[in-house]
C-alpha atoms as a PDB file:
ATOM      1  CA  MET A   1     -79.161 105.202-138.861  1.00  0.00           C
ATOM      2  CA  GLU A   2     -80.805 102.088-140.297  1.00  0.00           C
ATOM      3  CA  VAL A   3     -82.333 102.046-143.771  1.00  0.00           C
ATOM      4  CA  LEU A   4     -85.601 100.752-142.298  1.00  0.00           C
ATOM      5  CA  LYS A   5     -85.934 103.941-140.228  1.00  0.00           C
ATOM      6  CA  SER A   6     -85.107 106.294-143.101  1.00  0.00           C
ATOM      7  CA  PRO A   7     -87.719 108.485-144.875  1.00  0.00           C
ATOM      8  CA  LEU A   8     -87.414 106.456-148.099  1.00  0.00           C
ATOM      9  CA  SER A   9     -90.341 104.641-149.688  1.00  0.00           C
ATOM     10  CA  ALA A  10     -90.958 100.973-148.835  1.00  0.00           C
ATOM     11  CA  SER A  11     -89.841  99.794-152.296  1.00  0.00           C
ATOM     12  CA  GLN A  12     -86.610 101.801-152.090  1.00  0.00           C
ATOM     13  CA  LYS A  13     -85.880 100.404-148.616  1.00  0.00           C
ATOM     14  CA  GLY A  14     -86.473  96.883-149.907  1.00  0.00           C
ATOM     15  CA  LYS A  15     -84.089  97.372-152.842  1.00  0.00           C
ATOM     16  CA  LEU A  16     -81.368  98.819-150.598  1.00  0.00           C
ATOM     17  CA  ILE A  17     -81.639  96.007-148.028  1.00  0.00           C
ATOM     18  CA  SER A  18     -81.608  93.348-150.768  1.00  0.00           C
ATOM     19  CA  ALA A  19     -78.375  94.887-152.058  1.00  0.00           C
ATOM     20  CA  GLY A  20     -76.805  94.787-148.602  1.00  0.00           C
ATOM     21  CA  TYR A  21     -77.287  98.435-147.634  1.00  0.00           C
ATOM     22  CA  THR A  22     -78.880  97.938-144.215  1.00  0.00           C
ATOM     23  CA  SER A  23     -77.309 101.090-142.760  1.00  0.00           C
ATOM     24  CA  ILE A  24     -77.271 104.638-144.129  1.00  0.00           C
ATOM     25  CA  ASN A  25     -73.537 104.838-143.362  1.00  0.00           C
ATOM     26  CA  LEU A  26     -72.853 102.254-146.078  1.00  0.00           C
ATOM     27  CA  LEU A  27     -74.140 104.722-148.695  1.00  0.00           C
ATOM     28  CA  SER A  28     -71.787 107.554-147.756  1.00  0.00           C
ATOM     29  CA  SER A  29     -69.156 106.739-150.386  1.00  0.00           C
ATOM     30  CA  VAL A  30     -71.392 105.246-153.101  1.00  0.00           C
ATOM     31  CA  SER A  31     -71.820 107.125-156.375  1.00  0.00           C
ATOM     32  CA  PRO A  32     -75.260 107.515-158.012  1.00  0.00           C
ATOM     33  CA  SER A  33     -74.169 105.527-161.077  1.00  0.00           C
ATOM     34  CA  HIS A  34     -72.878 102.626-158.956  1.00  0.00           C
ATOM     35  CA  LEU A  35     -76.029 102.585-156.818  1.00  0.00           C
ATOM     36  CA  ALA A  36     -78.235 102.683-159.915  1.00  0.00           C
ATOM     37  CA  LEU A  37     -76.391  99.676-161.316  1.00  0.00           C
ATOM     38  CA  GLU A  38     -76.667  97.693-158.080  1.00  0.00           C
ATOM     39  CA  LEU A  39     -80.345  98.474-157.491  1.00  0.00           C
ATOM     40  CA  LYS A  40     -81.288  98.263-161.189  1.00  0.00           C
ATOM     41  CA  ILE A  41     -82.882 101.719-161.125  1.00  0.00           C
ATOM     42  CA  SER A  42     -82.353 104.955-163.011  1.00  0.00           C
ATOM     43  CA  GLU A  43     -79.464 107.197-162.061  1.00  0.00           C
ATOM     44  CA  ALA A  44     -81.942 109.983-161.273  1.00  0.00           C
ATOM     45  CA  GLU A  45     -83.716 107.779-158.701  1.00  0.00           C
ATOM     46  CA  ALA A  46     -80.366 106.730-157.231  1.00  0.00           C
ATOM     47  CA  LEU A  47     -79.408 110.400-156.859  1.00  0.00           C
ATOM     48  CA  GLU A  48     -82.741 111.086-155.162  1.00  0.00           C
ATOM     49  CA  ILE A  49     -82.158 108.201-152.709  1.00  0.00           C
ATOM     50  CA  LEU A  50     -78.686 109.429-151.810  1.00  0.00           C
ATOM     51  CA  LYS A  51     -79.951 112.993-151.292  1.00  0.00           C
ATOM     52  CA  THR A  52     -82.848 111.804-149.078  1.00  0.00           C
ATOM     53  CA  VAL A  53     -80.689 109.660-146.831  1.00  0.00           C
ATOM     54  CA  SER A  54     -78.011 112.359-146.675  1.00  0.00           C
ATOM     55  CA  ASP A  55     -80.550 114.940-145.479  1.00  0.00           C
ATOM     56  CA  GLY A  56     -82.029 112.496-142.972  1.00  0.00           C
ATOM     57  CA  SER A  57     -78.624 111.481-141.670  1.00  0.00           C
ATOM     58  CA  ARG A  58     -77.555 115.106-141.257  1.00  0.00           C
ATOM     59  CA  SER A  59     -80.735 115.902-139.332  1.00  0.00           C
ATOM     60  CA  GLU A  60     -80.299 112.920-137.013  1.00  0.00           C
ATOM     61  CA  SER A  61     -76.624 113.733-136.464  1.00  0.00           C
ATOM     62  CA  THR A  62     -77.519 117.280-135.389  1.00  0.00           C
ATOM     63  CA  SER A  63     -80.148 116.132-132.900  1.00  0.00           C
ATOM     64  CA  THR A  64     -78.151 113.301-131.343  1.00  0.00           C
ATOM     65  CA  SER A  65     -74.568 114.535-131.500  1.00  0.00           C
ATOM     66  CA  CYS A  66     -74.456 115.067-127.756  1.00  0.00           C
ATOM     67  CA  THR A  67     -75.959 111.719-126.790  1.00  0.00           C
ATOM     68  CA  ILE A  68     -74.169 109.213-129.021  1.00  0.00           C
ATOM     69  CA  VAL A  69     -71.085 108.840-126.823  1.00  0.00           C
ATOM     70  CA  LYS A  70     -71.853 107.341-123.431  1.00  0.00           C
ATOM     71  CA  GLY A  71     -69.694 107.073-120.336  1.00  0.00           C
ATOM     72  CA  ALA A  72     -66.834 104.590-120.289  1.00  0.00           C
ATOM     73  CA  GLN A  73     -67.132 101.244-118.504  1.00  0.00           C
ATOM     74  CA  SER A  74     -64.315 100.247-116.175  1.00  0.00           C
ATOM     75  CA  ALA A  75     -62.441  96.993-116.656  1.00  0.00           C
ATOM     76  CA  TRP A  76     -63.511  95.979-113.145  1.00  0.00           C
ATOM     77  CA  ASP A  77     -67.186  96.430-114.074  1.00  0.00           C
ATOM     78  CA  MET A  78     -66.582  94.321-117.189  1.00  0.00           C
ATOM     79  CA  LEU A  79     -65.076  91.534-115.079  1.00  0.00           C
ATOM     80  CA  GLN A  80     -67.989  91.630-112.636  1.00  0.00           C
ATOM     81  CA  GLU A  81     -70.409  91.490-115.551  1.00  0.00           C
ATOM     82  CA  GLU A  82     -68.535  88.537-117.072  1.00  0.00           C
ATOM     83  CA  GLU A  83     -68.692  86.593-113.797  1.00  0.00           C
ATOM     84  CA  THR A  84     -72.454  87.088-113.476  1.00  0.00           C
ATOM     85  CA  LEU A  85     -73.366  86.050-117.021  1.00  0.00           C
ATOM     86  CA  VAL A  86     -76.215  83.561-117.065  1.00  0.00           C
ATOM     87  CA  ARG A  87     -75.931  80.440-119.192  1.00  0.00           C
ATOM     88  CA  ILE A  88     -78.222  77.950-120.895  1.00  0.00           C
ATOM     89  CA  THR A  89     -77.499  74.291-120.237  1.00  0.00           C
ATOM     90  CA  THR A  90     -76.994  71.931-123.178  1.00  0.00           C
ATOM     91  CA  SER A  91     -78.292  68.989-121.057  1.00  0.00           C
ATOM     92  CA  SER A  92     -74.836  67.414-121.260  1.00  0.00           C
ATOM     93  CA  SER A  93     -72.734  68.056-118.147  1.00  0.00           C
ATOM     94  CA  ASP A  94     -69.511  67.357-120.054  1.00  0.00           C
ATOM     95  CA  PHE A  95     -70.486  69.806-122.794  1.00  0.00           C
ATOM     96  CA  ASP A  96     -71.528  72.405-120.185  1.00  0.00           C
ATOM     97  CA  ASN A  97     -68.207  72.019-118.347  1.00  0.00           C
ATOM     98  CA  ILE A  98     -66.073  73.101-121.306  1.00  0.00           C
ATOM     99  CA  LEU A  99     -68.471  76.034-121.852  1.00  0.00           C
ATOM    100  CA  GLY A 100     -68.122  77.252-118.272  1.00  0.00           C
ATOM    101  CA  GLY A 101     -71.664  76.166-117.447  1.00  0.00           C
ATOM    102  CA  GLY A 102     -73.481  76.369-120.782  1.00  0.00           C
ATOM    103  CA  ILE A 103     -74.167  78.721-123.686  1.00  0.00           C
ATOM    104  CA  SER A 104     -73.559  82.266-122.489  1.00  0.00           C
ATOM    105  CA  CYS A 105     -76.048  85.118-122.766  1.00  0.00           C
ATOM    106  CA  LYS A 106     -74.923  88.521-124.120  1.00  0.00           C
ATOM    107  CA  GLU A 107     -72.687  86.703-126.622  1.00  0.00           C
ATOM    108  CA  VAL A 108     -72.889  85.288-130.132  1.00  0.00           C
ATOM    109  CA  THR A 109     -71.972  81.603-130.249  1.00  0.00           C
ATOM    110  CA  GLU A 110     -71.379  79.883-133.583  1.00  0.00           C
ATOM    111  CA  ILE A 111     -71.823  76.103-133.700  1.00  0.00           C
ATOM    112  CA  GLY A 112     -70.760  74.271-136.853  1.00  0.00           C
ATOM    113  CA  GLY A 113     -70.263  70.733-138.019  1.00  0.00           C
ATOM    114  CA  VAL A 114     -70.930  68.095-140.660  1.00  0.00           C
ATOM    115  CA  PRO A 115     -74.485  66.963-141.524  1.00  0.00           C
ATOM    116  CA  GLY A 116     -75.906  64.513-138.985  1.00  0.00           C
ATOM    117  CA  ILE A 117     -73.664  65.614-136.125  1.00  0.00           C
ATOM    118  CA  GLY A 118     -76.580  67.093-134.139  1.00  0.00           C
ATOM    119  CA  LYS A 119     -76.584  70.850-134.825  1.00  0.00           C
ATOM    120  CA  THR A 120     -80.362  71.145-135.190  1.00  0.00           C
ATOM    121  CA  GLN A 121     -80.868  68.781-132.261  1.00  0.00           C
ATOM    122  CA  LEU A 122     -78.728  71.089-130.132  1.00  0.00           C
ATOM    123  CA  GLY A 123     -80.607  74.153-131.383  1.00  0.00           C
ATOM    124  CA  ILE A 124     -83.965  72.640-130.406  1.00  0.00           C
ATOM    125  CA  GLN A 125     -82.522  71.535-127.053  1.00  0.00           C
ATOM    126  CA  LEU A 126     -81.434  75.104-126.268  1.00  0.00           C
ATOM    127  CA  ALA A 127     -84.851  76.460-127.309  1.00  0.00           C
ATOM    128  CA  VAL A 128     -86.407  74.138-124.721  1.00  0.00           C
ATOM    129  CA  ASN A 129     -83.778  74.462-121.985  1.00  0.00           C
ATOM    130  CA  VAL A 130     -83.889  78.264-121.923  1.00  0.00           C
ATOM    131  CA  GLN A 131     -87.404  77.854-120.504  1.00  0.00           C
ATOM    132  CA  ILE A 132     -86.336  75.855-117.429  1.00  0.00           C
ATOM    133  CA  PRO A 133     -87.671  77.873-114.439  1.00  0.00           C
ATOM    134  CA  PHE A 134     -85.380  79.753-112.062  1.00  0.00           C
ATOM    135  CA  ASP A 135     -86.214  77.256-109.288  1.00  0.00           C
ATOM    136  CA  TYR A 136     -84.502  74.559-111.321  1.00  0.00           C
ATOM    137  CA  GLY A 137     -81.435  76.608-112.240  1.00  0.00           C
ATOM    138  CA  GLY A 138     -82.768  77.861-115.562  1.00  0.00           C
ATOM    139  CA  LEU A 139     -83.558  81.250-117.060  1.00  0.00           C
ATOM    140  CA  GLY A 140     -87.348  80.955-117.316  1.00  0.00           C
ATOM    141  CA  GLY A 141     -87.171  82.616-120.732  1.00  0.00           C
ATOM    142  CA  LYS A 142     -88.502  82.131-124.247  1.00  0.00           C
ATOM    143  CA  ALA A 143     -86.803  81.311-127.549  1.00  0.00           C
ATOM    144  CA  ILE A 144     -86.749  82.611-131.101  1.00  0.00           C
ATOM    145  CA  TYR A 145     -85.996  79.897-133.664  1.00  0.00           C
ATOM    146  CA  ILE A 146     -85.149  81.083-137.195  1.00  0.00           C
ATOM    147  CA  ASP A 147     -85.285  78.169-139.633  1.00  0.00           C
ATOM    148  CA  THR A 148     -83.638  78.771-143.015  1.00  0.00           C
ATOM    149  CA  GLU A 149     -83.402  75.134-144.116  1.00  0.00           C
ATOM    150  CA  GLY A 150     -86.765  73.693-143.080  1.00  0.00           C
ATOM    151  CA  SER A 151     -85.024  71.347-140.648  1.00  0.00           C
ATOM    152  CA  PHE A 152     -86.944  72.273-137.485  1.00  0.00           C
ATOM    153  CA  MET A 153     -89.059  69.313-136.338  1.00  0.00           C
ATOM    154  CA  VAL A 154     -91.933  70.172-134.012  1.00  0.00           C
ATOM    155  CA  GLU A 155     -92.373  66.476-133.099  1.00  0.00           C
ATOM    156  CA  ARG A 156     -88.750  66.374-132.026  1.00  0.00           C
ATOM    157  CA  ALA A 157     -89.214  69.582-130.017  1.00  0.00           C
ATOM    158  CA  LEU A 158     -92.144  67.905-128.242  1.00  0.00           C
ATOM    159  CA  GLN A 159     -90.004  64.847-127.384  1.00  0.00           C
ATOM    160  CA  ILE A 160     -87.258  67.041-125.944  1.00  0.00           C
ATOM    161  CA  ALA A 161     -89.823  69.119-124.029  1.00  0.00           C
ATOM    162  CA  GLU A 162     -91.351  65.975-122.512  1.00  0.00           C
ATOM    163  CA  ALA A 163     -87.897  64.736-121.485  1.00  0.00           C
ATOM    164  CA  CYS A 164     -87.073  68.129-119.943  1.00  0.00           C
ATOM    165  CA  GLY A 165     -90.287  67.982-117.904  1.00  0.00           C
ATOM    166  CA  ASP A 166     -89.405  64.442-116.760  1.00  0.00           C
ATOM    167  CA  ASP A 167     -85.930  65.630-115.708  1.00  0.00           C
ATOM    168  CA  MET A 168     -87.411  68.441-113.619  1.00  0.00           C
ATOM    169  CA  ALA A 169     -89.881  66.023-112.015  1.00  0.00           C
ATOM    170  CA  GLU A 170     -87.002  63.675-111.137  1.00  0.00           C
ATOM    171  CA  TYR A 171     -85.077  66.610-109.676  1.00  0.00           C
ATOM    172  CA  SER A 172     -88.068  67.511-107.495  1.00  0.00           C
ATOM    173  CA  ARG A 173     -88.432  63.916-106.349  1.00  0.00           C
ATOM    174  CA  LEU A 174     -84.781  63.614-105.349  1.00  0.00           C
ATOM    175  CA  TYR A 175     -84.065  67.030-103.872  1.00  0.00           C
ATOM    176  CA  ARG A 176     -87.402  68.570-102.910  1.00  0.00           C
ATOM    177  CA  LYS A 177     -89.203  65.873-100.992  1.00  0.00           C
ATOM    178  CA  GLY A 178     -92.256  67.225 -99.213  1.00  0.00           C
ATOM    179  CA  PHE A 179     -92.226  70.552-101.053  1.00  0.00           C
ATOM    180  CA  HIS A 180     -95.452  70.289-103.034  1.00  0.00           C
ATOM    181  CA  SER A 181     -95.233  73.941-103.982  1.00  0.00           C
ATOM    182  CA  HIS A 182     -92.228  73.072-106.136  1.00  0.00           C
ATOM    183  CA  GLU A 183     -94.000  70.450-108.236  1.00  0.00           C
ATOM    184  CA  VAL A 184     -93.375  70.828-111.961  1.00  0.00           C
ATOM    185  CA  LYS A 185     -96.091  73.064-113.393  1.00  0.00           C
ATOM    186  CA  ILE A 186     -94.689  73.642-116.895  1.00  0.00           C
ATOM    187  CA  GLN A 187     -96.086  71.160-119.432  1.00  0.00           C
ATOM    188  CA  PRO A 188     -94.715  70.051-122.837  1.00  0.00           C
ATOM    189  CA  LYS A 189     -97.380  72.209-124.533  1.00  0.00           C
ATOM    190  CA  ASP A 190     -96.050  75.234-122.608  1.00  0.00           C
ATOM    191  CA  PHE A 191     -92.538  74.638-123.919  1.00  0.00           C
ATOM    192  CA  LEU A 192     -93.780  74.657-127.513  1.00  0.00           C
ATOM    193  CA  GLU A 193     -95.860  77.800-126.977  1.00  0.00           C
ATOM    194  CA  ASN A 194     -92.750  79.634-125.778  1.00  0.00           C
ATOM    195  CA  ILE A 195     -90.758  78.986-128.979  1.00  0.00           C
ATOM    196  CA  PHE A 196     -91.337  81.725-131.556  1.00  0.00           C
ATOM    197  CA  TYR A 197     -90.696  80.038-134.902  1.00  0.00           C
ATOM    198  CA  PHE A 198     -89.818  81.931-138.094  1.00  0.00           C
ATOM    199  CA  ARG A 199     -89.327  80.233-141.457  1.00  0.00           C
ATOM    200  CA  VAL A 200     -87.296  82.263-143.964  1.00  0.00           C
ATOM    201  CA  CYS A 201     -86.939  81.258-147.602  1.00  0.00           C
ATOM    202  CA  SER A 202     -84.398  83.746-148.995  1.00  0.00           C
ATOM    203  CA  TYR A 203     -81.464  85.827-147.888  1.00  0.00           C
ATOM    204  CA  THR A 204     -83.541  89.002-148.204  1.00  0.00           C
ATOM    205  CA  GLU A 205     -86.140  87.548-145.809  1.00  0.00           C
ATOM    206  CA  GLN A 206     -83.325  86.564-143.469  1.00  0.00           C
ATOM    207  CA  ILE A 207     -81.885  90.091-143.433  1.00  0.00           C
ATOM    208  CA  ALA A 208     -85.311  91.671-142.988  1.00  0.00           C
ATOM    209  CA  LEU A 209     -86.120  89.357-140.061  1.00  0.00           C
ATOM    210  CA  ILE A 210     -82.836  90.029-138.280  1.00  0.00           C
ATOM    211  CA  ASN A 211     -83.504  93.748-138.661  1.00  0.00           C
ATOM    212  CA  TYR A 212     -86.980  93.171-137.180  1.00  0.00           C
ATOM    213  CA  LEU A 213     -85.675  91.285-134.127  1.00  0.00           C
ATOM    214  CA  ASP A 214     -84.870  94.489-132.234  1.00  0.00           C
ATOM    215  CA  LYS A 215     -88.557  95.453-132.186  1.00  0.00           C
ATOM    216  CA  PHE A 216     -89.749  91.895-131.597  1.00  0.00           C
ATOM    217  CA  ILE A 217     -87.523  91.362-128.555  1.00  0.00           C
ATOM    218  CA  THR A 218     -88.471  94.810-127.243  1.00  0.00           C
ATOM    219  CA  ASP A 219     -92.095  93.618-127.329  1.00  0.00           C
ATOM    220  CA  HIS A 220     -91.187  90.179-125.899  1.00  0.00           C
ATOM    221  CA  LYS A 221     -88.641  90.973-123.190  1.00  0.00           C
ATOM    222  CA  ASP A 222     -88.664  87.395-121.854  1.00  0.00           C
ATOM    223  CA  VAL A 223     -86.862  86.120-124.965  1.00  0.00           C
ATOM    224  CA  LYS A 224     -83.465  84.849-123.823  1.00  0.00           C
ATOM    225  CA  VAL A 225     -82.104  82.996-126.849  1.00  0.00           C
ATOM    226  CA  VAL A 226     -82.125  83.523-130.617  1.00  0.00           C
ATOM    227  CA  ILE A 227     -81.223  80.469-132.707  1.00  0.00           C
ATOM    228  CA  ILE A 228     -80.508  80.694-136.444  1.00  0.00           C
ATOM    229  CA  ASP A 229     -80.495  77.307-138.190  1.00  0.00           C
ATOM    230  CA  SER A 230     -78.520  77.889-140.259  1.00  0.00           C
ATOM    231  CA  ILE A 231     -76.876  81.237-140.912  1.00  0.00           C
ATOM    232  CA  THR A 232     -75.308  79.741-144.035  1.00  0.00           C
ATOM    233  CA  PHE A 233     -78.004  78.197-146.181  1.00  0.00           C
ATOM    234  CA  HIS A 234     -79.228  81.148-148.275  1.00  0.00           C
ATOM    235  CA  PHE A 235     -75.723  82.539-148.693  1.00  0.00           C
ATOM    236  CA  ARG A 236     -74.452  79.423-150.465  1.00  0.00           C
ATOM    237  CA  GLN A 237     -77.278  79.163-152.981  1.00  0.00           C
ATOM    238  CA  ASP A 238     -76.532  80.874-156.318  1.00  0.00           C
ATOM    239  CA  PHE A 239     -74.663  83.739-154.691  1.00  0.00           C
ATOM    240  CA  ASP A 240     -72.156  84.939-157.283  1.00  0.00           C
ATOM    241  CA  ASP A 241     -71.484  88.469-156.009  1.00  0.00           C
ATOM    242  CA  MET A 242     -69.002  87.752-153.211  1.00  0.00           C
ATOM    243  CA  ALA A 243     -68.506  91.435-152.349  1.00  0.00           C
ATOM    244  CA  LEU A 244     -72.250  91.775-151.783  1.00  0.00           C
ATOM    245  CA  ARG A 245     -72.290  88.573-149.724  1.00  0.00           C
ATOM    246  CA  THR A 246     -69.462  89.828-147.513  1.00  0.00           C
ATOM    247  CA  ARG A 247     -71.250  93.141-146.955  1.00  0.00           C
ATOM    248  CA  LEU A 248     -74.541  91.427-146.104  1.00  0.00           C
ATOM    249  CA  LEU A 249     -72.907  88.980-143.709  1.00  0.00           C
ATOM    250  CA  GLY A 250     -70.934  91.759-142.033  1.00  0.00           C
ATOM    251  CA  GLY A 251     -74.098  93.772-141.471  1.00  0.00           C
ATOM    252  CA  MET A 252     -75.886  90.729-140.039  1.00  0.00           C
ATOM    253  CA  ALA A 253     -73.004  89.900-137.711  1.00  0.00           C
ATOM    254  CA  LEU A 254     -72.933  93.449-136.334  1.00  0.00           C
ATOM    255  CA  LYS A 255     -76.701  93.418-135.816  1.00  0.00           C
ATOM    256  CA  LEU A 256     -76.599  90.087-133.958  1.00  0.00           C
ATOM    257  CA  MET A 257     -73.793  91.268-131.677  1.00  0.00           C
ATOM    258  CA  LYS A 258     -75.769  94.408-130.828  1.00  0.00           C
ATOM    259  CA  LEU A 259     -78.884  92.346-130.075  1.00  0.00           C
ATOM    260  CA  ALA A 260     -76.953  90.052-127.738  1.00  0.00           C
ATOM    261  CA  ARG A 261     -75.515  92.964-125.768  1.00  0.00           C
ATOM    262  CA  LYS A 262     -78.588  95.196-125.764  1.00  0.00           C
ATOM    263  CA  PHE A 263     -81.086  92.575-124.595  1.00  0.00           C
ATOM    264  CA  GLY A 264     -78.778  90.173-122.738  1.00  0.00           C
ATOM    265  CA  VAL A 265     -79.810  87.264-124.964  1.00  0.00           C
ATOM    266  CA  ALA A 266     -77.750  84.332-126.184  1.00  0.00           C
ATOM    267  CA  VAL A 267     -77.461  84.368-129.971  1.00  0.00           C
ATOM    268  CA  VAL A 268     -76.672  80.934-131.395  1.00  0.00           C
ATOM    269  CA  VAL A 269     -75.866  80.657-135.106  1.00  0.00           C
ATOM    270  CA  LEU A 270     -75.555  77.206-136.632  1.00  0.00           C
ATOM    271  CA  ASN A 271     -73.169  76.837-139.548  1.00  0.00           C
ATOM    272  CA  GLN A 272     -72.414  74.276-142.240  1.00  0.00           C
ATOM    273  CA  VAL A 273     -69.041  72.971-143.373  1.00  0.00           C
ATOM    274  CA  THR A 274     -67.220  73.268-146.654  1.00  0.00           C
ATOM    275  CA  THR A 275     -63.960  71.984-148.130  1.00  0.00           C
ATOM    276  CA  LYS A 276     -60.936  74.255-147.943  1.00  0.00           C
ATOM    277  CA  TYR A 277     -57.646  73.824-149.785  1.00  0.00           C
ATOM    278  CA  SER A 278     -54.451  74.563-147.870  1.00  0.00           C
ATOM    279  CA  ASP A 279     -50.958  73.087-147.560  1.00  0.00           C
ATOM    280  CA  GLY A 280     -51.489  70.979-150.658  1.00  0.00           C
ATOM    281  CA  SER A 281     -54.642  69.183-149.519  1.00  0.00           C
ATOM    282  CA  PHE A 282     -58.355  69.614-148.924  1.00  0.00           C
ATOM    283  CA  HIS A 283     -59.870  69.601-145.452  1.00  0.00           C
ATOM    284  CA  LEU A 284     -63.214  70.460-143.870  1.00  0.00           C
ATOM    285  CA  ALA A 285     -63.774  73.985-142.530  1.00  0.00           C
ATOM    286  CA  LEU A 286     -66.793  75.990-141.405  1.00  0.00           C
ATOM    287  CA  ALA A 287     -68.526  77.778-144.255  1.00  0.00           C
ATOM    288  CA  LEU A 288     -68.598  81.509-145.159  1.00  0.00           C
ATOM    289  CA  GLY A 289     -64.842  82.088-145.140  1.00  0.00           C
ATOM    290  CA  ASP A 290     -62.248  83.618-142.849  1.00  0.00           C
ATOM    291  CA  SER A 291     -63.966  87.008-142.505  1.00  0.00           C
ATOM    292  CA  TRP A 292     -67.072  85.353-141.024  1.00  0.00           C
ATOM    293  CA  SER A 293     -64.952  83.586-138.388  1.00  0.00           C
ATOM    294  CA  HIS A 294     -64.717  86.936-136.555  1.00  0.00           C
ATOM    295  CA  ALA A 295     -68.509  87.395-136.453  1.00  0.00           C
ATOM    296  CA  SER A 296     -69.035  85.385-133.264  1.00  0.00           C
ATOM    297  CA  THR A 297     -67.735  85.628-129.713  1.00  0.00           C
ATOM    298  CA  ASN A 298     -67.381  81.869-129.354  1.00  0.00           C
ATOM    299  CA  ARG A 299     -66.956  79.222-132.036  1.00  0.00           C
ATOM    300  CA  ILE A 300     -67.733  75.559-131.340  1.00  0.00           C
ATOM    301  CA  ILE A 301     -67.047  72.775-133.814  1.00  0.00           C
ATOM    302  CA  LEU A 302     -68.990  69.521-133.570  1.00  0.00           C
ATOM    303  CA  HIS A 303     -67.189  66.507-135.039  1.00  0.00           C
ATOM    304  CA  TRP A 304     -66.968  62.737-135.040  1.00  0.00           C
ATOM    305  CA  ASN A 305     -64.204  60.877-133.199  1.00  0.00           C
ATOM    306  CA  GLY A 306     -64.724  57.300-134.272  1.00  0.00           C
ATOM    307  CA  ASN A 307     -68.357  56.548-133.469  1.00  0.00           C
ATOM    308  CA  GLU A 308     -68.595  59.259-130.845  1.00  0.00           C
ATOM    309  CA  ARG A 309     -69.713  62.873-131.181  1.00  0.00           C
ATOM    310  CA  TYR A 310     -67.417  65.559-129.759  1.00  0.00           C
ATOM    311  CA  ALA A 311     -67.748  69.306-129.206  1.00  0.00           C
ATOM    312  CA  TYR A 312     -64.558  71.363-129.527  1.00  0.00           C
ATOM    313  CA  ILE A 313     -64.105  75.012-128.518  1.00  0.00           C
ATOM    314  CA  ASP A 314     -62.248  76.449-131.489  1.00  0.00           C
ATOM    315  CA  LYS A 315     -62.346  80.119-130.464  1.00  0.00           C
ATOM    316  CA  SER A 316     -63.334  82.049-127.353  1.00  0.00           C
ATOM    317  CA  PRO A 317     -61.967  85.086-125.483  1.00  0.00           C
ATOM    318  CA  SER A 318     -62.784  83.578-122.086  1.00  0.00           C
ATOM    319  CA  LEU A 319     -62.773  79.786-122.523  1.00  0.00           C
ATOM    320  CA  ARG A 320     -59.741  77.607-123.100  1.00  0.00           C
ATOM    321  CA  SER A 321     -59.669  75.239-126.069  1.00  0.00           C
ATOM    322  CA  ALA A 322     -61.157  71.955-124.936  1.00  0.00           C
ATOM    323  CA  SER A 323     -63.329  69.139-126.184  1.00  0.00           C
ATOM    324  CA  ALA A 324     -66.033  66.965-124.666  1.00  0.00           C
ATOM    325  CA  PRO A 325     -68.065  63.985-125.872  1.00  0.00           C
ATOM    326  CA  TYR A 326     -71.836  64.217-126.081  1.00  0.00           C
ATOM    327  CA  SER A 327     -74.666  62.060-127.330  1.00  0.00           C
ATOM    328  CA  VAL A 328     -77.903  62.593-129.249  1.00  0.00           C
ATOM    329  CA  THR A 329     -80.606  60.409-127.710  1.00  0.00           C
ATOM    330  CA  GLY A 330     -84.375  60.097-127.856  1.00  0.00           C
ATOM    331  CA  LYS A 331     -84.494  62.588-124.980  1.00  0.00           C
ATOM    332  CA  GLY A 332     -82.210  65.061-126.720  1.00  0.00           C
ATOM    333  CA  ILE A 333     -78.602  66.067-126.034  1.00  0.00           C
ATOM    334  CA  ARG A 334     -77.059  64.046-123.193  1.00  0.00           C
ATOM    335  CA  ASP A 335     -73.666  62.908-121.870  1.00  0.00           C
ATOM    336  CA  SER A 336     -71.912  60.241-123.901  1.00  0.00           C
ATOM    337  CA  PRO A 337     -72.719  56.738-122.534  1.00  0.00           C
ATOM    338  CA  SER A 338     -69.101  55.645-122.961  1.00  0.00           C
ATOM    339  CA  ASN A 339     -67.913  58.645-120.942  1.00  0.00           C
ATOM    340  CA  ASN A 340     -70.334  57.726-118.138  1.00  0.00           C
ATOM    341  CA  LYS A 341     -68.871  54.232-118.053  1.00  0.00           C
ATOM    342  CA  ARG A 342     -65.368  55.578-117.761  1.00  0.00           C
ATOM    343  CA  ILE A 343     -66.394  57.795-114.830  1.00  0.00           C
ATOM    344  CA  LYS A 344     -68.058  54.903-113.013  1.00  0.00           C
ATOM    345  CA  ASN A 345     -64.998  52.693-113.403  1.00  0.00           C
ATOM    346  CA  MET A 346     -62.628  55.286-111.901  1.00  0.00           C
END
């Protein structure tokens, strides 16, 4: 049972969520004195909270005990489901190839890299590309864009939307001659209207929004991608209680995985880099530590190789480790020009 759905008061729910207690189960082994210290409340109020959630949890357990466990899924069904997963193109064929066709729905994909490598550009590109109609090989969906850093640029989104419309028009011209019914009807303005933008300014707002996504996507069933840019920002700013941070991040990761599976959406979390000391030297690594590395299904690292940008699949249960060059252009994410030259010369 989630704290938001408990019979507690709004202020008590807010204090619990801010302290990382997003689920009632997390309170099962907490003492009143410890909870009072964490929430900065009296021990009597902490005891009252624990009693309320205990009674509510017991009541829910009694009413749902026979419906919690569902039938098993066969491995064959899982394979069939895996083979029919829909994907969102990155607009780079080389990048798509190493991803098996693009960013997969029903999974959480983490994309990290150094500043300036194109993480936000890729996030905006995916928010536009998820809207490509079925007739053009897309999903015809909508996007949720959660901006924690203030890096989303609506002018840039408009440029990418215009380029996407031009690409679809070129596709129609080349492959659908004479089929006027297949003329491009989606306009740049339509792309922007189909991106639901949320700006969050603290980690508590971030947690509250992620908890709210279940209801939002239920009300907007055409949402097919959730982009968080970045998952890291508010958890690196003056966050001294590492145990609390780990608990909050773990709760968020579980929630995002459930969202991806329940609604069949692609969840894309962008991450920053940090320096890590090992084997006697410092090197760059994705932020939030080793425990966070298990929070996603797929992990992609964007990096520089000389003057060229590369995407590398660092972790995936279904994709082999591979890398591909890509470029950030005025039109958005595209194949690397140097890679195109090499293909033409072969």
